[in-house]
Amino acid sequence: MRRKEGEDCNTSSKTRACWPGWCGRCKCRAHFAAGQYATARRDFKDLEVGGIYRREAQWFGMLAEMTLPGADKNTWVNTLQRIRKDPKHPYQKAAETLWKQVGNRDK
């Protein structure tokens, strides 16, 4: 069954995209994997609004934003802080690891 653009699929694989009729999640991941971070960030922002992938979108959207030239560091640092302080966030441990690597560079 072909999905409408933006609808989520049930694809659980991180390497396989639904096809045909890319869902919003798979489209975001494809842009991210291809290094198209500005497009990925825009699409992840749409997924952050709600739904079952909002936390995944928050994490990968922040990672994409970190790569963008001229990105506001305060924006992604605040997002990273929110994720690492949320024990229920699925990327909390990854956020803690990332914070140890980049969070205190300026201090």
PDB file of N, CA and C in Angstrom:
ATOM      1  N   MET A   1       0.838  -1.182   0.000  1.00  0.00           N
ATOM      2  CA  MET A   1       0.000   0.000   0.000  1.00  0.00           C
ATOM      3  C   MET A   1       0.884   1.247   0.000  1.00  0.00           C
ATOM      4  N   ARG A   2       0.598   2.149  -0.884  1.00  0.00           N
ATOM      5  CA  ARG A   2       1.384   3.375  -0.979  1.00  0.00           C
ATOM      6  C   ARG A   2       0.880   4.384   0.050  1.00  0.00           C
ATOM      7  N   ARG A   3       1.828   4.949   0.803  1.00  0.00           N
ATOM      8  CA  ARG A   3       1.476   5.962   1.801  1.00  0.00           C
ATOM      9  C   ARG A   3       1.554   7.354   1.202  1.00  0.00           C
ATOM     10  N   LYS A   4       0.828   8.252   1.796  1.00  0.00           N
ATOM     11  CA  LYS A   4       0.938   9.652   1.398  1.00  0.00           C
ATOM     12  C   LYS A   4       2.249  10.194   1.947  1.00  0.00           C
ATOM     13  N   GLU A   5       2.825  11.149   1.244  1.00  0.00           N
ATOM     14  CA  GLU A   5       4.065  11.752   1.709  1.00  0.00           C
ATOM     15  C   GLU A   5       3.860  12.320   3.108  1.00  0.00           C
ATOM     16  N   GLY A   6       4.795  12.031   3.988  1.00  0.00           N
ATOM     17  CA  GLY A   6       4.723  12.530   5.353  1.00  0.00           C
ATOM     18  C   GLY A   6       4.131  11.548   6.330  1.00  0.00           C
ATOM     19  N   GLU A   7       3.446  10.507   5.846  1.00  0.00           N
ATOM     20  CA  GLU A   7       2.911   9.503   6.750  1.00  0.00           C
ATOM     21  C   GLU A   7       4.041   8.601   7.213  1.00  0.00           C
ATOM     22  N   ASP A   8       3.949   8.134   8.434  1.00  0.00           N
ATOM     23  CA  ASP A   8       4.982   7.266   8.978  1.00  0.00           C
ATOM     24  C   ASP A   8       4.755   5.826   8.565  1.00  0.00           C
ATOM     25  N   CYS A   9       5.855   5.107   8.395  1.00  0.00           N
ATOM     26  CA  CYS A   9       5.771   3.678   8.105  1.00  0.00           C
ATOM     27  C   CYS A   9       6.084   2.922   9.392  1.00  0.00           C
ATOM     28  N   ASN A  10       6.079   1.642   9.306  1.00  0.00           N
ATOM     29  CA  ASN A  10       6.431   0.809  10.454  1.00  0.00           C
ATOM     30  C   ASN A  10       7.812   0.215  10.289  1.00  0.00           C
ATOM     31  N   THR A  11       8.647   0.849   9.492  1.00  0.00           N
ATOM     32  CA  THR A  11       9.984   0.351   9.235  1.00  0.00           C
ATOM     33  C   THR A  11      10.803   0.476  10.513  1.00  0.00           C
ATOM     34  N   SER A  12      11.309  -0.630  10.990  1.00  0.00           N
ATOM     35  CA  SER A  12      12.107  -0.587  12.211  1.00  0.00           C
ATOM     36  C   SER A  12      13.597  -0.565  11.921  1.00  0.00           C
ATOM     37  N   SER A  13      13.992  -0.895  10.715  1.00  0.00           N
ATOM     38  CA  SER A  13      15.404  -0.920  10.364  1.00  0.00           C
ATOM     39  C   SER A  13      15.935   0.499  10.184  1.00  0.00           C
ATOM     40  N   LYS A  14      17.111   0.746  10.715  1.00  0.00           N
ATOM     41  CA  LYS A  14      17.715   2.069  10.566  1.00  0.00           C
ATOM     42  C   LYS A  14      18.379   2.221   9.204  1.00  0.00           C
ATOM     43  N   THR A  15      18.539   1.129   8.486  1.00  0.00           N
ATOM     44  CA  THR A  15      19.222   1.213   7.199  1.00  0.00           C
ATOM     45  C   THR A  15      18.279   1.036   6.025  1.00  0.00           C
ATOM     46  N   ARG A  16      17.063   0.624   6.253  1.00  0.00           N
ATOM     47  CA  ARG A  16      16.120   0.374   5.173  1.00  0.00           C
ATOM     48  C   ARG A  16      15.029   1.448   5.197  1.00  0.00           C
ATOM     49  N   ALA A  17      14.781   2.020   4.090  1.00  0.00           N
ATOM     50  CA  ALA A  17      13.720   3.023   3.987  1.00  0.00           C
ATOM     51  C   ALA A  17      12.484   2.372   3.383  1.00  0.00           C
ATOM     52  N   CYS A  18      11.328   2.845   3.793  1.00  0.00           N
ATOM     53  CA  CYS A  18      10.104   2.340   3.198  1.00  0.00           C
ATOM     54  C   CYS A  18      10.063   2.790   1.740  1.00  0.00           C
ATOM     55  N   TRP A  19       9.482   1.991   0.906  1.00  0.00           N
ATOM     56  CA  TRP A  19       9.450   2.330  -0.512  1.00  0.00           C
ATOM     57  C   TRP A  19       8.314   1.597  -1.157  1.00  0.00           C
ATOM     58  N   PRO A  20       7.530   2.107  -2.055  1.00  0.00           N
ATOM     59  CA  PRO A  20       7.524   3.509  -2.466  1.00  0.00           C
ATOM     60  C   PRO A  20       6.688   4.357  -1.508  1.00  0.00           C
ATOM     61  N   GLY A  21       6.695   5.625  -1.687  1.00  0.00           N
ATOM     62  CA  GLY A  21       5.910   6.543  -0.860  1.00  0.00           C
ATOM     63  C   GLY A  21       6.585   6.878   0.448  1.00  0.00           C
ATOM     64  N   TRP A  22       7.835   7.255   0.398  1.00  0.00           N
ATOM     65  CA  TRP A  22       8.641   7.539   1.585  1.00  0.00           C
ATOM     66  C   TRP A  22       7.835   8.210   2.682  1.00  0.00           C
ATOM     67  N   CYS A  23       7.935   7.679   3.882  1.00  0.00           N
ATOM     68  CA  CYS A  23       7.284   8.328   5.020  1.00  0.00           C
ATOM     69  C   CYS A  23       8.180   9.476   5.495  1.00  0.00           C
ATOM     70  N   GLY A  24       7.658  10.298   6.360  1.00  0.00           N
ATOM     71  CA  GLY A  24       8.429  11.426   6.871  1.00  0.00           C
ATOM     72  C   GLY A  24       9.694  10.990   7.578  1.00  0.00           C
ATOM     73  N   ARG A  25       9.614   9.933   8.379  1.00  0.00           N
ATOM     74  CA  ARG A  25      10.768   9.457   9.129  1.00  0.00           C
ATOM     75  C   ARG A  25      11.865   8.965   8.191  1.00  0.00           C
ATOM     76  N   CYS A  26      11.505   8.150   7.229  1.00  0.00           N
ATOM     77  CA  CYS A  26      12.509   7.599   6.318  1.00  0.00           C
ATOM     78  C   CYS A  26      13.116   8.683   5.437  1.00  0.00           C
ATOM     79  N   LYS A  27      12.307   9.651   5.055  1.00  0.00           N
ATOM     80  CA  LYS A  27      12.815  10.758   4.243  1.00  0.00           C
ATOM     81  C   LYS A  27      13.858  11.555   5.036  1.00  0.00           C
ATOM     82  N   CYS A  28      13.569  11.814   6.300  1.00  0.00           N
ATOM     83  CA  CYS A  28      14.515  12.537   7.154  1.00  0.00           C
ATOM     84  C   CYS A  28      15.815  11.772   7.288  1.00  0.00           C
ATOM     85  N   ARG A  29      15.702  10.481   7.559  1.00  0.00           N
ATOM     86  CA  ARG A  29      16.887   9.654   7.740  1.00  0.00           C
ATOM     87  C   ARG A  29      17.714   9.579   6.461  1.00  0.00           C
ATOM     88  N   ALA A  30      17.049   9.526   5.320  1.00  0.00           N
ATOM     89  CA  ALA A  30      17.763   9.471   4.042  1.00  0.00           C
ATOM     90  C   ALA A  30      18.558  10.759   3.817  1.00  0.00           C
ATOM     91  N   HIS A  31      17.950  11.901   4.099  1.00  0.00           N
ATOM     92  CA  HIS A  31      18.659  13.181   3.952  1.00  0.00           C
ATOM     93  C   HIS A  31      19.847  13.241   4.908  1.00  0.00           C
ATOM     94  N   PHE A  32      19.634  12.780   6.139  1.00  0.00           N
ATOM     95  CA  PHE A  32      20.698  12.794   7.135  1.00  0.00           C
ATOM     96  C   PHE A  32      21.854  11.906   6.696  1.00  0.00           C
ATOM     97  N   ALA A  33      21.551  10.684   6.264  1.00  0.00           N
ATOM     98  CA  ALA A  33      22.576   9.731   5.837  1.00  0.00           C
ATOM     99  C   ALA A  33      23.343  10.238   4.612  1.00  0.00           C
ATOM    100  N   ALA A  34      22.676  11.011   3.772  1.00  0.00           N
ATOM    101  CA  ALA A  34      23.314  11.544   2.567  1.00  0.00           C
ATOM    102  C   ALA A  34      24.109  12.818   2.850  1.00  0.00           C
ATOM    103  N   GLY A  35      24.097  13.269   4.100  1.00  0.00           N
ATOM    104  CA  GLY A  35      24.837  14.479   4.440  1.00  0.00           C
ATOM    105  C   GLY A  35      24.120  15.757   4.066  1.00  0.00           C
ATOM    106  N   GLN A  36      22.846  15.664   3.771  1.00  0.00           N
ATOM    107  CA  GLN A  36      22.036  16.840   3.431  1.00  0.00           C
ATOM    108  C   GLN A  36      21.406  17.368   4.726  1.00  0.00           C
ATOM    109  N   TYR A  37      22.262  17.946   5.572  1.00  0.00           N
ATOM    110  CA  TYR A  37      21.859  18.271   6.932  1.00  0.00           C
ATOM    111  C   TYR A  37      20.846  19.398   7.025  1.00  0.00           C
ATOM    112  N   ALA A  38      20.927  20.382   6.166  1.00  0.00           N
ATOM    113  CA  ALA A  38      19.947  21.476   6.208  1.00  0.00           C
ATOM    114  C   ALA A  38      18.549  20.946   5.879  1.00  0.00           C
ATOM    115  N   THR A  39      18.461  20.107   4.870  1.00  0.00           N
ATOM    116  CA  THR A  39      17.168  19.513   4.499  1.00  0.00           C
ATOM    117  C   THR A  39      16.699  18.565   5.591  1.00  0.00           C
ATOM    118  N   ALA A  40      17.613  17.776   6.125  1.00  0.00           N
ATOM    119  CA  ALA A  40      17.254  16.853   7.209  1.00  0.00           C
ATOM    120  C   ALA A  40      16.733  17.626   8.407  1.00  0.00           C
ATOM    121  N   ARG A  41      17.413  18.710   8.773  1.00  0.00           N
ATOM    122  CA  ARG A  41      16.982  19.511   9.935  1.00  0.00           C
ATOM    123  C   ARG A  41      15.572  20.051   9.724  1.00  0.00           C
ATOM    124  N   ARG A  42      15.300  20.563   8.536  1.00  0.00           N
ATOM    125  CA  ARG A  42      13.963  21.082   8.243  1.00  0.00           C
ATOM    126  C   ARG A  42      12.913  19.978   8.379  1.00  0.00           C
ATOM    127  N   ASP A  43      13.198  18.811   7.817  1.00  0.00           N
ATOM    128  CA  ASP A  43      12.236  17.709   7.875  1.00  0.00           C
ATOM    129  C   ASP A  43      12.087  17.166   9.294  1.00  0.00           C
ATOM    130  N   PHE A  44      13.172  17.076  10.045  1.00  0.00           N
ATOM    131  CA  PHE A  44      13.080  16.611  11.429  1.00  0.00           C
ATOM    132  C   PHE A  44      12.262  17.574  12.275  1.00  0.00           C
ATOM    133  N   LYS A  45      12.359  18.871  11.995  1.00  0.00           N
ATOM    134  CA  LYS A  45      11.540  19.846  12.741  1.00  0.00           C
ATOM    135  C   LYS A  45      10.055  19.542  12.566  1.00  0.00           C
ATOM    136  N   ASP A  46       9.676  19.134  11.344  1.00  0.00           N
ATOM    137  CA  ASP A  46       8.279  18.766  11.095  1.00  0.00           C
ATOM    138  C   ASP A  46       7.881  17.548  11.920  1.00  0.00           C
ATOM    139  N   LEU A  47       8.777  16.575  12.053  1.00  0.00           N
ATOM    140  CA  LEU A  47       8.479  15.370  12.834  1.00  0.00           C
ATOM    141  C   LEU A  47       8.451  15.642  14.334  1.00  0.00           C
ATOM    142  N   GLU A  48       9.175  16.659  14.791  1.00  0.00           N
ATOM    143  CA  GLU A  48       9.221  16.985  16.218  1.00  0.00           C
ATOM    144  C   GLU A  48       7.880  17.443  16.758  1.00  0.00           C
ATOM    145  N   VAL A  49       7.015  17.907  15.885  1.00  0.00           N
ATOM    146  CA  VAL A  49       5.735  18.471  16.306  1.00  0.00           C
ATOM    147  C   VAL A  49       4.917  17.458  17.105  1.00  0.00           C
ATOM    148  N   GLY A  50       5.000  16.217  16.746  1.00  0.00           N
ATOM    149  CA  GLY A  50       4.258  15.199  17.481  1.00  0.00           C
ATOM    150  C   GLY A  50       4.415  13.856  16.829  1.00  0.00           C
ATOM    151  N   GLY A  51       3.774  12.896  17.398  1.00  0.00           N
ATOM    152  CA  GLY A  51       3.841  11.561  16.834  1.00  0.00           C
ATOM    153  C   GLY A  51       4.866  10.694  17.538  1.00  0.00           C
ATOM    154  N   ILE A  52       4.952   9.478  17.083  1.00  0.00           N
ATOM    155  CA  ILE A  52       5.794   8.507  17.765  1.00  0.00           C
ATOM    156  C   ILE A  52       7.281   8.718  17.524  1.00  0.00           C
ATOM    157  N   TYR A  53       7.645   9.504  16.547  1.00  0.00           N
ATOM    158  CA  TYR A  53       9.059   9.706  16.225  1.00  0.00           C
ATOM    159  C   TYR A  53       9.579  11.060  16.689  1.00  0.00           C
ATOM    160  N   ARG A  54       8.839  11.750  17.535  1.00  0.00           N
ATOM    161  CA  ARG A  54       9.235  13.110  17.905  1.00  0.00           C
ATOM    162  C   ARG A  54      10.571  13.164  18.651  1.00  0.00           C
ATOM    163  N   ARG A  55      10.844  12.187  19.495  1.00  0.00           N
ATOM    164  CA  ARG A  55      12.119  12.200  20.235  1.00  0.00           C
ATOM    165  C   ARG A  55      13.283  11.837  19.323  1.00  0.00           C
ATOM    166  N   GLU A  56      13.057  10.914  18.418  1.00  0.00           N
ATOM    167  CA  GLU A  56      14.074  10.584  17.419  1.00  0.00           C
ATOM    168  C   GLU A  56      14.353  11.811  16.558  1.00  0.00           C
ATOM    169  N   ALA A  57      13.302  12.510  16.180  1.00  0.00           N
ATOM    170  CA  ALA A  57      13.442  13.723  15.375  1.00  0.00           C
ATOM    171  C   ALA A  57      14.181  14.804  16.150  1.00  0.00           C
ATOM    172  N   GLN A  58      13.904  14.911  17.436  1.00  0.00           N
ATOM    173  CA  GLN A  58      14.596  15.897  18.267  1.00  0.00           C
ATOM    174  C   GLN A  58      16.106  15.626  18.284  1.00  0.00           C
ATOM    175  N   TRP A  59      16.483  14.353  18.453  1.00  0.00           N
ATOM    176  CA  TRP A  59      17.895  13.980  18.514  1.00  0.00           C
ATOM    177  C   TRP A  59      18.607  14.204  17.180  1.00  0.00           C
ATOM    178  N   PHE A  60      18.069  13.607  16.130  1.00  0.00           N
ATOM    179  CA  PHE A  60      18.733  13.714  14.832  1.00  0.00           C
ATOM    180  C   PHE A  60      18.654  15.129  14.268  1.00  0.00           C
ATOM    181  N   GLY A  61      17.582  15.843  14.578  1.00  0.00           N
ATOM    182  CA  GLY A  61      17.492  17.239  14.157  1.00  0.00           C
ATOM    183  C   GLY A  61      18.568  18.086  14.809  1.00  0.00           C
ATOM    184  N   MET A  62      18.832  17.813  16.093  1.00  0.00           N
ATOM    185  CA  MET A  62      19.890  18.537  16.796  1.00  0.00           C
ATOM    186  C   MET A  62      21.254  18.199  16.195  1.00  0.00           C
ATOM    187  N   LEU A  63      21.490  16.918  15.902  1.00  0.00           N
ATOM    188  CA  LEU A  63      22.761  16.527  15.289  1.00  0.00           C
ATOM    189  C   LEU A  63      22.944  17.206  13.932  1.00  0.00           C
ATOM    190  N   ALA A  64      21.872  17.255  13.162  1.00  0.00           N
ATOM    191  CA  ALA A  64      21.944  17.923  11.858  1.00  0.00           C
ATOM    192  C   ALA A  64      22.232  19.408  12.032  1.00  0.00           C
ATOM    193  N   GLU A  65      21.582  20.022  13.010  1.00  0.00           N
ATOM    194  CA  GLU A  65      21.789  21.454  13.246  1.00  0.00           C
ATOM    195  C   GLU A  65      23.227  21.755  13.648  1.00  0.00           C
ATOM    196  N   MET A  66      23.836  20.863  14.411  1.00  0.00           N
ATOM    197  CA  MET A  66      25.218  21.068  14.844  1.00  0.00           C
ATOM    198  C   MET A  66      26.175  21.181  13.657  1.00  0.00           C
ATOM    199  N   THR A  67      25.842  20.553  12.558  1.00  0.00           N
ATOM    200  CA  THR A  67      26.734  20.536  11.393  1.00  0.00           C
ATOM    201  C   THR A  67      26.594  21.761  10.504  1.00  0.00           C
ATOM    202  N   LEU A  68      25.541  22.524  10.689  1.00  0.00           N
ATOM    203  CA  LEU A  68      25.257  23.627   9.773  1.00  0.00           C
ATOM    204  C   LEU A  68      26.146  24.832  10.044  1.00  0.00           C
ATOM    205  N   PRO A  69      26.740  25.396   8.997  1.00  0.00           N
ATOM    206  CA  PRO A  69      27.524  26.621   9.176  1.00  0.00           C
ATOM    207  C   PRO A  69      26.613  27.734   9.703  1.00  0.00           C
ATOM    208  N   GLY A  70      27.089  28.428  10.682  1.00  0.00           N
ATOM    209  CA  GLY A  70      26.322  29.535  11.236  1.00  0.00           C
ATOM    210  C   GLY A  70      25.203  29.111  12.173  1.00  0.00           C
ATOM    211  N   ALA A  71      25.157  27.833  12.535  1.00  0.00           N
ATOM    212  CA  ALA A  71      24.115  27.369  13.461  1.00  0.00           C
ATOM    213  C   ALA A  71      24.291  28.056  14.811  1.00  0.00           C
ATOM    214  N   ASP A  72      23.181  28.377  15.437  1.00  0.00           N
ATOM    215  CA  ASP A  72      23.213  29.004  16.752  1.00  0.00           C
ATOM    216  C   ASP A  72      23.574  27.942  17.791  1.00  0.00           C
ATOM    217  N   LYS A  73      24.764  28.065  18.347  1.00  0.00           N
ATOM    218  CA  LYS A  73      25.236  27.066  19.310  1.00  0.00           C
ATOM    219  C   LYS A  73      24.307  26.967  20.514  1.00  0.00           C
ATOM    220  N   ASN A  74      23.771  28.078  20.965  1.00  0.00           N
ATOM    221  CA  ASN A  74      22.872  28.041  22.122  1.00  0.00           C
ATOM    222  C   ASN A  74      21.647  27.170  21.867  1.00  0.00           C
ATOM    223  N   THR A  75      21.164  27.174  20.642  1.00  0.00           N
ATOM    224  CA  THR A  75      19.984  26.385  20.301  1.00  0.00           C
ATOM    225  C   THR A  75      20.265  24.901  20.460  1.00  0.00           C
ATOM    226  N   TRP A  76      21.346  24.417  19.823  1.00  0.00           N
ATOM    227  CA  TRP A  76      21.602  22.983  19.917  1.00  0.00           C
ATOM    228  C   TRP A  76      22.111  22.570  21.288  1.00  0.00           C
ATOM    229  N   VAL A  77      22.811  23.451  21.990  1.00  0.00           N
ATOM    230  CA  VAL A  77      23.255  23.127  23.351  1.00  0.00           C
ATOM    231  C   VAL A  77      22.040  22.994  24.266  1.00  0.00           C
ATOM    232  N   ASN A  78      21.069  23.879  24.133  1.00  0.00           N
ATOM    233  CA  ASN A  78      19.856  23.784  24.955  1.00  0.00           C
ATOM    234  C   ASN A  78      19.099  22.492  24.676  1.00  0.00           C
ATOM    235  N   THR A  79      19.017  22.116  23.409  1.00  0.00           N
ATOM    236  CA  THR A  79      18.356  20.856  23.065  1.00  0.00           C
ATOM    237  C   THR A  79      19.126  19.683  23.648  1.00  0.00           C
ATOM    238  N   LEU A  80      20.426  19.706  23.515  1.00  0.00           N
ATOM    239  CA  LEU A  80      21.263  18.639  24.069  1.00  0.00           C
ATOM    240  C   LEU A  80      21.072  18.538  25.584  1.00  0.00           C
ATOM    241  N   GLN A  81      21.023  19.669  26.253  1.00  0.00           N
ATOM    242  CA  GLN A  81      20.805  19.681  27.705  1.00  0.00           C
ATOM    243  C   GLN A  81      19.441  19.077  28.078  1.00  0.00           C
ATOM    244  N   ARG A  82      18.404  19.441  27.341  1.00  0.00           N
ATOM    245  CA  ARG A  82      17.068  18.893  27.625  1.00  0.00           C
ATOM    246  C   ARG A  82      17.053  17.378  27.463  1.00  0.00           C
ATOM    247  N   ILE A  83      17.698  16.893  26.411  1.00  0.00           N
ATOM    248  CA  ILE A  83      17.718  15.453  26.156  1.00  0.00           C
ATOM    249  C   ILE A  83      18.498  14.725  27.244  1.00  0.00           C
ATOM    250  N   ARG A  84      19.663  15.232  27.586  1.00  0.00           N
ATOM    251  CA  ARG A  84      20.501  14.521  28.568  1.00  0.00           C
ATOM    252  C   ARG A  84      19.926  14.561  29.978  1.00  0.00           C
ATOM    253  N   LYS A  85      19.062  15.514  30.265  1.00  0.00           N
ATOM    254  CA  LYS A  85      18.447  15.611  31.597  1.00  0.00           C
ATOM    255  C   LYS A  85      17.113  14.866  31.692  1.00  0.00           C
ATOM    256  N   ASP A  86      16.683  14.271  30.587  1.00  0.00           N
ATOM    257  CA  ASP A  86      15.410  13.539  30.563  1.00  0.00           C
ATOM    258  C   ASP A  86      15.694  12.036  30.620  1.00  0.00           C
ATOM    259  N   PRO A  87      15.552  11.417  31.788  1.00  0.00           N
ATOM    260  CA  PRO A  87      15.886   9.995  31.910  1.00  0.00           C
ATOM    261  C   PRO A  87      15.010   9.074  31.058  1.00  0.00           C
ATOM    262  N   LYS A  88      13.887   9.567  30.588  1.00  0.00           N
ATOM    263  CA  LYS A  88      13.003   8.751  29.752  1.00  0.00           C
ATOM    264  C   LYS A  88      13.263   8.934  28.257  1.00  0.00           C
ATOM    265  N   HIS A  89      14.151   9.847  27.923  1.00  0.00           N
ATOM    266  CA  HIS A  89      14.438  10.089  26.509  1.00  0.00           C
ATOM    267  C   HIS A  89      15.268   8.930  25.969  1.00  0.00           C
ATOM    268  N   PRO A  90      14.893   8.357  24.816  1.00  0.00           N
ATOM    269  CA  PRO A  90      15.635   7.204  24.292  1.00  0.00           C
ATOM    270  C   PRO A  90      17.089   7.519  23.910  1.00  0.00           C
ATOM    271  N   TYR A  91      17.422   8.786  23.742  1.00  0.00           N
ATOM    272  CA  TYR A  91      18.786   9.163  23.380  1.00  0.00           C
ATOM    273  C   TYR A  91      19.505   9.854  24.542  1.00  0.00           C
ATOM    274  N   GLN A  92      19.015   9.661  25.754  1.00  0.00           N
ATOM    275  CA  GLN A  92      19.584  10.323  26.922  1.00  0.00           C
ATOM    276  C   GLN A  92      21.043   9.942  27.133  1.00  0.00           C
ATOM    277  N   LYS A  93      21.368   8.666  27.047  1.00  0.00           N
ATOM    278  CA  LYS A  93      22.755   8.226  27.259  1.00  0.00           C
ATOM    279  C   LYS A  93      23.676   8.740  26.158  1.00  0.00           C
ATOM    280  N   ALA A  94      23.190   8.727  24.935  1.00  0.00           N
ATOM    281  CA  ALA A  94      23.985   9.257  23.820  1.00  0.00           C
ATOM    282  C   ALA A  94      24.207  10.755  24.013  1.00  0.00           C
ATOM    283  N   ALA A  95      23.199  11.449  24.511  1.00  0.00           N
ATOM    284  CA  ALA A  95      23.319  12.888  24.757  1.00  0.00           C
ATOM    285  C   ALA A  95      24.339  13.165  25.855  1.00  0.00           C
ATOM    286  N   GLU A  96      24.341  12.328  26.870  1.00  0.00           N
ATOM    287  CA  GLU A  96      25.319  12.488  27.958  1.00  0.00           C
ATOM    288  C   GLU A  96      26.739  12.294  27.427  1.00  0.00           C
ATOM    289  N   THR A  97      26.928  11.301  26.582  1.00  0.00           N
ATOM    290  CA  THR A  97      28.240  11.053  25.976  1.00  0.00           C
ATOM    291  C   THR A  97      28.659  12.226  25.096  1.00  0.00           C
ATOM    292  N   LEU A  98      27.731  12.711  24.286  1.00  0.00           N
ATOM    293  CA  LEU A  98      28.039  13.849  23.414  1.00  0.00           C
ATOM    294  C   LEU A  98      28.363  15.086  24.239  1.00  0.00           C
ATOM    295  N   TRP A  99      27.632  15.303  25.322  1.00  0.00           N
ATOM    296  CA  TRP A  99      27.877  16.454  26.183  1.00  0.00           C
ATOM    297  C   TRP A  99      29.306  16.428  26.738  1.00  0.00           C
ATOM    298  N   LYS A 100      29.758  15.256  27.128  1.00  0.00           N
ATOM    299  CA  LYS A 100      31.119  15.126  27.653  1.00  0.00           C
ATOM    300  C   LYS A 100      32.168  15.463  26.586  1.00  0.00           C
ATOM    301  N   GLN A 101      31.816  15.245  25.338  1.00  0.00           N
ATOM    302  CA  GLN A 101      32.751  15.515  24.251  1.00  0.00           C
ATOM    303  C   GLN A 101      32.724  16.964  23.782  1.00  0.00           C
ATOM    304  N   VAL A 102      31.546  17.586  23.735  1.00  0.00           N
ATOM    305  CA  VAL A 102      31.457  18.941  23.168  1.00  0.00           C
ATOM    306  C   VAL A 102      30.864  19.990  24.097  1.00  0.00           C
ATOM    307  N   GLY A 103      30.216  19.599  25.135  1.00  0.00           N
ATOM    308  CA  GLY A 103      29.449  20.522  25.963  1.00  0.00           C
ATOM    309  C   GLY A 103      30.246  21.547  26.727  1.00  0.00           C
ATOM    310  N   ASN A 104      31.432  21.204  27.128  1.00  0.00           N
ATOM    311  CA  ASN A 104      32.201  22.109  27.975  1.00  0.00           C
ATOM    312  C   ASN A 104      33.450  22.667  27.302  1.00  0.00           C
ATOM    313  N   ARG A 105      33.457  22.692  25.993  1.00  0.00           N
ATOM    314  CA  ARG A 105      34.645  23.168  25.257  1.00  0.00           C
ATOM    315  C   ARG A 105      35.025  24.606  25.583  1.00  0.00           C
ATOM    316  N   ASP A 106      34.013  25.446  25.765  1.00  0.00           N
ATOM    317  CA  ASP A 106      34.300  26.875  25.961  1.00  0.00           C
ATOM    318  C   ASP A 106      34.606  27.228  27.402  1.00  0.00           C
ATOM    319  N   LYS A 107      34.504  26.280  28.302  1.00  0.00           N
ATOM    320  CA  LYS A 107      34.678  26.602  29.723  1.00  0.00           C
ATOM    321  C   LYS A 107      36.047  26.248  30.210  1.00  0.00           C
TER     322      LYS A 107
END
